PDB file of N, CA and C in Angstrom:
ATOM      1  N   MET A   1      -4.565-148.843 -53.968  1.00  0.00           N
ATOM      2  CA  MET A   1      -3.947-147.750 -54.705  1.00  0.00           C
ATOM      3  C   MET A   1      -2.473-148.081 -54.936  1.00  0.00           C
ATOM      4  N   THR A   2      -2.013-147.867 -56.142  1.00  0.00           N
ATOM      5  CA  THR A   2      -0.615-148.094 -56.488  1.00  0.00           C
ATOM      6  C   THR A   2       0.207-146.866 -56.124  1.00  0.00           C
ATOM      7  N   LEU A   3       1.302-147.101 -55.425  1.00  0.00           N
ATOM      8  CA  LEU A   3       2.190-145.996 -55.062  1.00  0.00           C
ATOM      9  C   LEU A   3       3.015-145.564 -56.266  1.00  0.00           C
ATOM     10  N   PRO A   4       3.329-144.278 -56.365  1.00  0.00           N
ATOM     11  CA  PRO A   4       4.193-143.820 -57.453  1.00  0.00           C
ATOM     12  C   PRO A   4       5.591-144.405 -57.306  1.00  0.00           C
ATOM     13  N   LYS A   5       6.222-144.672 -58.430  1.00  0.00           N
ATOM     14  CA  LYS A   5       7.579-145.215 -58.450  1.00  0.00           C
ATOM     15  C   LYS A   5       8.561-144.037 -58.463  1.00  0.00           C
ATOM     16  N   VAL A   6       9.498-144.053 -57.494  1.00  0.00           N
ATOM     17  CA  VAL A   6      10.437-142.949 -57.338  1.00  0.00           C
ATOM     18  C   VAL A   6      11.854-143.505 -57.223  1.00  0.00           C
ATOM     19  N   PHE A   7      12.797-142.828 -57.871  1.00  0.00           N
ATOM     20  CA  PHE A   7      14.204-143.173 -57.732  1.00  0.00           C
ATOM     21  C   PHE A   7      14.917-142.016 -57.057  1.00  0.00           C
ATOM     22  N   VAL A   8      15.705-142.330 -56.029  1.00  0.00           N
ATOM     23  CA  VAL A   8      16.509-141.344 -55.303  1.00  0.00           C
ATOM     24  C   VAL A   8      17.964-141.639 -55.636  1.00  0.00           C
ATOM     25  N   SER A   9      18.640-140.683 -56.279  1.00  0.00           N
ATOM     26  CA  SER A   9      19.970-140.961 -56.825  1.00  0.00           C
ATOM     27  C   SER A   9      21.110-140.887 -55.814  1.00  0.00           C
ATOM     28  N   ARG A  10      20.827-140.523 -54.571  1.00  0.00           N
ATOM     29  CA  ARG A  10      21.842-140.494 -53.514  1.00  0.00           C
ATOM     30  C   ARG A  10      21.157-140.738 -52.184  1.00  0.00           C
ATOM     31  N   LEU A  11      21.951-141.149 -51.210  1.00  0.00           N
ATOM     32  CA  LEU A  11      21.429-141.224 -49.851  1.00  0.00           C
ATOM     33  C   LEU A  11      21.157-139.808 -49.371  1.00  0.00           C
ATOM     34  N   ILE A  12      20.019-139.639 -48.740  1.00  0.00           N
ATOM     35  CA  ILE A  12      19.656-138.340 -48.178  1.00  0.00           C
ATOM     36  C   ILE A  12      19.373-138.557 -46.688  1.00  0.00           C
ATOM     37  N   PRO A  13      19.243-137.495 -45.902  1.00  0.00           N
ATOM     38  CA  PRO A  13      18.955-137.663 -44.480  1.00  0.00           C
ATOM     39  C   PRO A  13      17.720-138.545 -44.248  1.00  0.00           C
ATOM     40  N   ASP A  14      17.775-139.316 -43.171  1.00  0.00           N
ATOM     41  CA  ASP A  14      16.722-140.293 -42.866  1.00  0.00           C
ATOM     42  C   ASP A  14      15.319-139.690 -42.851  1.00  0.00           C
ATOM     43  N   GLU A  15      15.182-138.491 -42.319  1.00  0.00           N
ATOM     44  CA  GLU A  15      13.867-137.866 -42.230  1.00  0.00           C
ATOM     45  C   GLU A  15      13.240-137.694 -43.615  1.00  0.00           C
ATOM     46  N   GLY A  16      14.015-137.197 -44.557  1.00  0.00           N
ATOM     47  CA  GLY A  16      13.513-137.015 -45.916  1.00  0.00           C
ATOM     48  C   GLY A  16      13.267-138.336 -46.611  1.00  0.00           C
ATOM     49  N   LEU A  17      14.149-139.279 -46.410  1.00  0.00           N
ATOM     50  CA  LEU A  17      14.000-140.592 -47.033  1.00  0.00           C
ATOM     51  C   LEU A  17      12.772-141.306 -46.501  1.00  0.00           C
ATOM     52  N   ARG A  18      12.506-141.165 -45.222  1.00  0.00           N
ATOM     53  CA  ARG A  18      11.315-141.776 -44.620  1.00  0.00           C
ATOM     54  C   ARG A  18      10.044-141.225 -45.267  1.00  0.00           C
ATOM     55  N   LEU A  19       9.995-139.936 -45.494  1.00  0.00           N
ATOM     56  CA  LEU A  19       8.825-139.327 -46.136  1.00  0.00           C
ATOM     57  C   LEU A  19       8.610-139.890 -47.539  1.00  0.00           C
ATOM     58  N   ILE A  20       9.691-140.036 -48.274  1.00  0.00           N
ATOM     59  CA  ILE A  20       9.584-140.576 -49.633  1.00  0.00           C
ATOM     60  C   ILE A  20       9.128-142.027 -49.591  1.00  0.00           C
ATOM     61  N   ARG A  21       9.742-142.827 -48.731  1.00  0.00           N
ATOM     62  CA  ARG A  21       9.393-144.257 -48.650  1.00  0.00           C
ATOM     63  C   ARG A  21       7.969-144.474 -48.159  1.00  0.00           C
ATOM     64  N   ASP A  22       7.471-143.589 -47.319  1.00  0.00           N
ATOM     65  CA  ASP A  22       6.096-143.713 -46.827  1.00  0.00           C
ATOM     66  C   ASP A  22       5.068-143.451 -47.925  1.00  0.00           C
ATOM     67  N   GLY A  23       5.429-142.630 -48.901  1.00  0.00           N
ATOM     68  CA  GLY A  23       4.459-142.244 -49.919  1.00  0.00           C
ATOM     69  C   GLY A  23       4.744-142.749 -51.315  1.00  0.00           C
ATOM     70  N   ALA A  24       5.781-143.587 -51.462  1.00  0.00           N
ATOM     71  CA  ALA A  24       6.162-144.021 -52.810  1.00  0.00           C
ATOM     72  C   ALA A  24       6.823-145.393 -52.762  1.00  0.00           C
ATOM     73  N   ASP A  25       6.834-146.027 -53.911  1.00  0.00           N
ATOM     74  CA  ASP A  25       7.618-147.242 -54.116  1.00  0.00           C
ATOM     75  C   ASP A  25       9.006-146.741 -54.495  1.00  0.00           C
ATOM     76  N   ALA A  26       9.863-146.573 -53.489  1.00  0.00           N
ATOM     77  CA  ALA A  26      11.142-145.883 -53.678  1.00  0.00           C
ATOM     78  C   ALA A  26      12.304-146.852 -53.811  1.00  0.00           C
ATOM     79  N   THR A  27      13.182-146.518 -54.745  1.00  0.00           N
ATOM     80  CA  THR A  27      14.465-147.189 -54.891  1.00  0.00           C
ATOM     81  C   THR A  27      15.527-146.128 -54.639  1.00  0.00           C
ATOM     82  N   VAL A  28      16.507-146.483 -53.799  1.00  0.00           N
ATOM     83  CA  VAL A  28      17.540-145.514 -53.426  1.00  0.00           C
ATOM     84  C   VAL A  28      18.904-146.056 -53.840  1.00  0.00           C
ATOM     85  N   TRP A  29      19.700-145.214 -54.489  1.00  0.00           N
ATOM     86  CA  TRP A  29      21.075-145.566 -54.826  1.00  0.00           C
ATOM     87  C   TRP A  29      21.862-145.531 -53.514  1.00  0.00           C
ATOM     88  N   GLU A  30      22.320-146.680 -53.054  1.00  0.00           N
ATOM     89  CA  GLU A  30      22.926-146.800 -51.727  1.00  0.00           C
ATOM     90  C   GLU A  30      24.437-146.568 -51.705  1.00  0.00           C
ATOM     91  N   ASP A  31      25.077-146.534 -52.859  1.00  0.00           N
ATOM     92  CA  ASP A  31      26.525-146.379 -52.917  1.00  0.00           C
ATOM     93  C   ASP A  31      26.939-144.968 -52.506  1.00  0.00           C
ATOM     94  N   GLU A  32      28.133-144.833 -51.969  1.00  0.00           N
ATOM     95  CA  GLU A  32      28.640-143.507 -51.615  1.00  0.00           C
ATOM     96  C   GLU A  32      28.929-142.662 -52.854  1.00  0.00           C
ATOM     97  N   LEU A  33      29.317-143.311 -53.932  1.00  0.00           N
ATOM     98  CA  LEU A  33      29.580-142.596 -55.183  1.00  0.00           C
ATOM     99  C   LEU A  33      28.292-142.480 -55.988  1.00  0.00           C
ATOM    100  N   PRO A  34      28.182-141.456 -56.826  1.00  0.00           N
ATOM    101  CA  PRO A  34      26.976-141.304 -57.640  1.00  0.00           C
ATOM    102  C   PRO A  34      26.841-142.449 -58.637  1.00  0.00           C
ATOM    103  N   PRO A  35      25.619-142.721 -59.070  1.00  0.00           N
ATOM    104  CA  PRO A  35      25.450-143.783 -60.055  1.00  0.00           C
ATOM    105  C   PRO A  35      26.087-143.380 -61.386  1.00  0.00           C
ATOM    106  N   PRO A  36      26.761-144.327 -62.048  1.00  0.00           N
ATOM    107  CA  PRO A  36      27.237-144.033 -63.403  1.00  0.00           C
ATOM    108  C   PRO A  36      26.030-143.704 -64.284  1.00  0.00           C
ATOM    109  N   ARG A  37      26.283-142.945 -65.329  1.00  0.00           N
ATOM    110  CA  ARG A  37      25.191-142.482 -66.199  1.00  0.00           C
ATOM    111  C   ARG A  37      24.312-143.637 -66.676  1.00  0.00           C
ATOM    112  N   ASP A  38      24.907-144.742 -67.136  1.00  0.00           N
ATOM    113  CA  ASP A  38      24.102-145.854 -67.648  1.00  0.00           C
ATOM    114  C   ASP A  38      23.249-146.477 -66.551  1.00  0.00           C
ATOM    115  N   ALA A  39      23.771-146.570 -65.328  1.00  0.00           N
ATOM    116  CA  ALA A  39      22.993-147.114 -64.212  1.00  0.00           C
ATOM    117  C   ALA A  39      21.854-146.164 -63.840  1.00  0.00           C
ATOM    118  N   LEU A  40      22.122-144.875 -63.870  1.00  0.00           N
ATOM    119  CA  LEU A  40      21.088-143.876 -63.583  1.00  0.00           C
ATOM    120  C   LEU A  40      19.954-143.985 -64.594  1.00  0.00           C
ATOM    121  N   LEU A  41      20.305-144.054 -65.866  1.00  0.00           N
ATOM    122  CA  LEU A  41      19.279-144.127 -66.902  1.00  0.00           C
ATOM    123  C   LEU A  41      18.447-145.402 -66.794  1.00  0.00           C
ATOM    124  N   ARG A  42      19.081-146.518 -66.446  1.00  0.00           N
ATOM    125  CA  ARG A  42      18.320-147.766 -66.247  1.00  0.00           C
ATOM    126  C   ARG A  42      17.393-147.650 -65.035  1.00  0.00           C
ATOM    127  N   ALA A  43      17.885-147.025 -63.972  1.00  0.00           N
ATOM    128  CA  ALA A  43      17.121-146.935 -62.729  1.00  0.00           C
ATOM    129  C   ALA A  43      15.875-146.063 -62.851  1.00  0.00           C
ATOM    130  N   ILE A  44      15.901-145.068 -63.718  1.00  0.00           N
ATOM    131  CA  ILE A  44      14.768-144.141 -63.807  1.00  0.00           C
ATOM    132  C   ILE A  44      13.685-144.597 -64.776  1.00  0.00           C
ATOM    133  N   GLU A  45      13.939-145.677 -65.515  1.00  0.00           N
ATOM    134  CA  GLU A  45      12.940-146.153 -66.479  1.00  0.00           C
ATOM    135  C   GLU A  45      11.633-146.463 -65.758  1.00  0.00           C
ATOM    136  N   GLY A  46      10.562-145.857 -66.220  1.00  0.00           N
ATOM    137  CA  GLY A  46       9.248-146.106 -65.651  1.00  0.00           C
ATOM    138  C   GLY A  46       8.937-145.371 -64.365  1.00  0.00           C
ATOM    139  N   CYS A  47       9.824-144.493 -63.929  1.00  0.00           N
ATOM    140  CA  CYS A  47       9.599-143.764 -62.681  1.00  0.00           C
ATOM    141  C   CYS A  47       8.604-142.617 -62.873  1.00  0.00           C
ATOM    142  N   ASP A  48       7.864-142.361 -61.803  1.00  0.00           N
ATOM    143  CA  ASP A  48       6.963-141.207 -61.764  1.00  0.00           C
ATOM    144  C   ASP A  48       7.680-139.974 -61.236  1.00  0.00           C
ATOM    145  N   GLY A  49       8.737-140.205 -60.470  1.00  0.00           N
ATOM    146  CA  GLY A  49       9.505-139.109 -59.898  1.00  0.00           C
ATOM    147  C   GLY A  49      10.945-139.521 -59.676  1.00  0.00           C
ATOM    148  N   VAL A  50      11.837-138.545 -59.756  1.00  0.00           N
ATOM    149  CA  VAL A  50      13.261-138.791 -59.529  1.00  0.00           C
ATOM    150  C   VAL A  50      13.803-137.648 -58.672  1.00  0.00           C
ATOM    151  N   LEU A  51      14.497-138.025 -57.588  1.00  0.00           N
ATOM    152  CA  LEU A  51      15.194-137.052 -56.763  1.00  0.00           C
ATOM    153  C   LEU A  51      16.661-137.145 -57.130  1.00  0.00           C
ATOM    154  N   THR A  52      17.195-136.078 -57.687  1.00  0.00           N
ATOM    155  CA  THR A  52      18.579-136.054 -58.161  1.00  0.00           C
ATOM    156  C   THR A  52      19.396-135.064 -57.333  1.00  0.00           C
ATOM    157  N   LEU A  53      20.686-135.113 -57.533  1.00  0.00           N
ATOM    158  CA  LEU A  53      21.543-134.027 -57.074  1.00  0.00           C
ATOM    159  C   LEU A  53      21.837-133.149 -58.277  1.00  0.00           C
ATOM    160  N   LEU A  54      22.277-131.953 -58.031  1.00  0.00           N
ATOM    161  CA  LEU A  54      22.536-131.023 -59.135  1.00  0.00           C
ATOM    162  C   LEU A  54      23.617-131.537 -60.079  1.00  0.00           C
ATOM    163  N   THR A  55      24.429-132.492 -59.614  1.00  0.00           N
ATOM    164  CA  THR A  55      25.478-133.049 -60.465  1.00  0.00           C
ATOM    165  C   THR A  55      24.948-134.091 -61.453  1.00  0.00           C
ATOM    166  N   ASP A  56      23.714-134.575 -61.262  1.00  0.00           N
ATOM    167  CA  ASP A  56      23.122-135.527 -62.204  1.00  0.00           C
ATOM    168  C   ASP A  56      22.633-134.769 -63.435  1.00  0.00           C
ATOM    169  N   LYS A  57      23.054-135.220 -64.594  1.00  0.00           N
ATOM    170  CA  LYS A  57      22.682-134.537 -65.837  1.00  0.00           C
ATOM    171  C   LYS A  57      21.248-134.913 -66.219  1.00  0.00           C
ATOM    172  N   VAL A  58      20.371-133.920 -66.182  1.00  0.00           N
ATOM    173  CA  VAL A  58      18.982-134.103 -66.595  1.00  0.00           C
ATOM    174  C   VAL A  58      18.841-133.440 -67.952  1.00  0.00           C
ATOM    175  N   ASP A  59      18.725-134.271 -68.986  1.00  0.00           N
ATOM    176  CA  ASP A  59      18.654-133.781 -70.358  1.00  0.00           C
ATOM    177  C   ASP A  59      17.573-134.567 -71.100  1.00  0.00           C
ATOM    178  N   ASP A  60      17.511-134.386 -72.413  1.00  0.00           N
ATOM    179  CA  ASP A  60      16.491-135.087 -73.204  1.00  0.00           C
ATOM    180  C   ASP A  60      16.611-136.602 -73.074  1.00  0.00           C
ATOM    181  N   GLU A  61      17.837-137.113 -73.070  1.00  0.00           N
ATOM    182  CA  GLU A  61      18.036-138.558 -72.934  1.00  0.00           C
ATOM    183  C   GLU A  61      17.480-139.051 -71.599  1.00  0.00           C
ATOM    184  N   PHE A  62      17.731-138.320 -70.534  1.00  0.00           N
ATOM    185  CA  PHE A  62      17.225-138.652 -69.203  1.00  0.00           C
ATOM    186  C   PHE A  62      15.696-138.699 -69.221  1.00  0.00           C
ATOM    187  N   LEU A  63      15.081-137.653 -69.744  1.00  0.00           N
ATOM    188  CA  LEU A  63      13.619-137.572 -69.762  1.00  0.00           C
ATOM    189  C   LEU A  63      13.010-138.662 -70.637  1.00  0.00           C
ATOM    190  N   ASP A  64      13.617-138.931 -71.778  1.00  0.00           N
ATOM    191  CA  ASP A  64      13.118-139.989 -72.662  1.00  0.00           C
ATOM    192  C   ASP A  64      13.203-141.352 -71.996  1.00  0.00           C
ATOM    193  N   ARG A  65      14.305-141.628 -71.308  1.00  0.00           N
ATOM    194  CA  ARG A  65      14.476-142.929 -70.662  1.00  0.00           C
ATOM    195  C   ARG A  65      13.502-143.111 -69.509  1.00  0.00           C
ATOM    196  N   ALA A  66      13.199-142.025 -68.801  1.00  0.00           N
ATOM    197  CA  ALA A  66      12.238-142.131 -67.698  1.00  0.00           C
ATOM    198  C   ALA A  66      10.865-142.518 -68.243  1.00  0.00           C
ATOM    199  N   GLY A  67      10.459-141.899 -69.321  1.00  0.00           N
ATOM    200  CA  GLY A  67       9.182-142.224 -69.946  1.00  0.00           C
ATOM    201  C   GLY A  67       8.134-141.157 -69.752  1.00  0.00           C
ATOM    202  N   PRO A  68       7.011-141.308 -70.461  1.00  0.00           N
ATOM    203  CA  PRO A  68       5.974-140.280 -70.459  1.00  0.00           C
ATOM    204  C   PRO A  68       5.215-140.157 -69.133  1.00  0.00           C
ATOM    205  N   GLN A  69       5.321-141.148 -68.255  1.00  0.00           N
ATOM    206  CA  GLN A  69       4.620-141.082 -66.974  1.00  0.00           C
ATOM    207  C   GLN A  69       5.359-140.218 -65.948  1.00  0.00           C
ATOM    208  N   LEU A  70       6.603-139.819 -66.251  1.00  0.00           N
ATOM    209  CA  LEU A  70       7.399-139.006 -65.330  1.00  0.00           C
ATOM    210  C   LEU A  70       6.668-137.701 -65.029  1.00  0.00           C
ATOM    211  N   LYS A  71       6.498-137.440 -63.748  1.00  0.00           N
ATOM    212  CA  LYS A  71       5.773-136.231 -63.341  1.00  0.00           C
ATOM    213  C   LYS A  71       6.673-135.174 -62.727  1.00  0.00           C
ATOM    214  N   VAL A  72       7.766-135.613 -62.078  1.00  0.00           N
ATOM    215  CA  VAL A  72       8.608-134.631 -61.396  1.00  0.00           C
ATOM    216  C   VAL A  72      10.055-135.115 -61.331  1.00  0.00           C
ATOM    217  N   VAL A  73      10.960-134.161 -61.535  1.00  0.00           N
ATOM    218  CA  VAL A  73      12.382-134.355 -61.276  1.00  0.00           C
ATOM    219  C   VAL A  73      12.749-133.259 -60.288  1.00  0.00           C
ATOM    220  N   SER A  74      13.231-133.669 -59.138  1.00  0.00           N
ATOM    221  CA  SER A  74      13.536-132.712 -58.090  1.00  0.00           C
ATOM    222  C   SER A  74      15.030-132.700 -57.806  1.00  0.00           C
ATOM    223  N   PRO A  75      15.738-131.677 -58.260  1.00  0.00           N
ATOM    224  CA  PRO A  75      17.167-131.609 -57.962  1.00  0.00           C
ATOM    225  C   PRO A  75      17.381-131.167 -56.514  1.00  0.00           C
ATOM    226  N   ARG A  76      18.324-131.808 -55.873  1.00  0.00           N
ATOM    227  CA  ARG A  76      18.661-131.471 -54.486  1.00  0.00           C
ATOM    228  C   ARG A  76      20.109-131.041 -54.444  1.00  0.00           C
ATOM    229  N   ARG A  77      20.340-129.920 -53.812  1.00  0.00           N
ATOM    230  CA  ARG A  77      21.706-129.431 -53.638  1.00  0.00           C
ATOM    231  C   ARG A  77      22.345-130.211 -52.507  1.00  0.00           C
ATOM    232  N   GLN A  78      23.565-130.656 -52.707  1.00  0.00           N
ATOM    233  CA  GLN A  78      24.266-131.406 -51.672  1.00  0.00           C
ATOM    234  C   GLN A  78      24.694-130.458 -50.571  1.00  0.00           C
ATOM    235  N   GLN A  79      24.313-130.782 -49.340  1.00  0.00           N
ATOM    236  CA  GLN A  79      24.690-129.938 -48.205  1.00  0.00           C
ATOM    237  C   GLN A  79      26.149-130.165 -47.888  1.00  0.00           C
ATOM    238  N   THR A  80      26.912-129.096 -47.760  1.00  0.00           N
ATOM    239  CA  THR A  80      28.348-129.225 -47.553  1.00  0.00           C
ATOM    240  C   THR A  80      28.759-129.173 -46.092  1.00  0.00           C
ATOM    241  N   SER A  81      27.949-128.576 -45.247  1.00  0.00           N
ATOM    242  CA  SER A  81      28.273-128.567 -43.830  1.00  0.00           C
ATOM    243  C   SER A  81      26.969-128.521 -43.031  1.00  0.00           C
ATOM    244  N   PRO A  82      26.963-129.112 -41.843  1.00  0.00           N
ATOM    245  CA  PRO A  82      25.726-129.150 -41.031  1.00  0.00           C
ATOM    246  C   PRO A  82      25.176-127.760 -40.769  1.00  0.00           C
ATOM    247  N   GLY A  83      23.860-127.664 -40.922  1.00  0.00           N
ATOM    248  CA  GLY A  83      23.190-126.422 -40.581  1.00  0.00           C
ATOM    249  C   GLY A  83      23.252-125.329 -41.618  1.00  0.00           C
ATOM    250  N   ARG A  84      23.918-125.561 -42.729  1.00  0.00           N
ATOM    251  CA  ARG A  84      24.015-124.515 -43.761  1.00  0.00           C
ATOM    252  C   ARG A  84      23.292-124.988 -45.010  1.00  0.00           C
ATOM    253  N   CYS A  85      22.509-124.123 -45.586  1.00  0.00           N
ATOM    254  CA  CYS A  85      21.769-124.450 -46.807  1.00  0.00           C
ATOM    255  C   CYS A  85      22.396-123.813 -48.007  1.00  0.00           C
TER     256      CYS A  85
END
């Protein structure tokens, strides 16, 4: 069985990242700064899923670049302090 291709646009807590890596062919943006728009668009090409932060612009260009196989875009709010959602 082929695993779904997923791009994670920021480092997330290890527990969540482990779940994604266990169930997907995951690529994670490892830099502390967010990916530049052109790098983000290149990274999502052909992905089945993308985990973004709310600061990542998800628009028609984003969806078109990902392609018709894209099934889910999941925005994640950046946690600002431990224990607070």
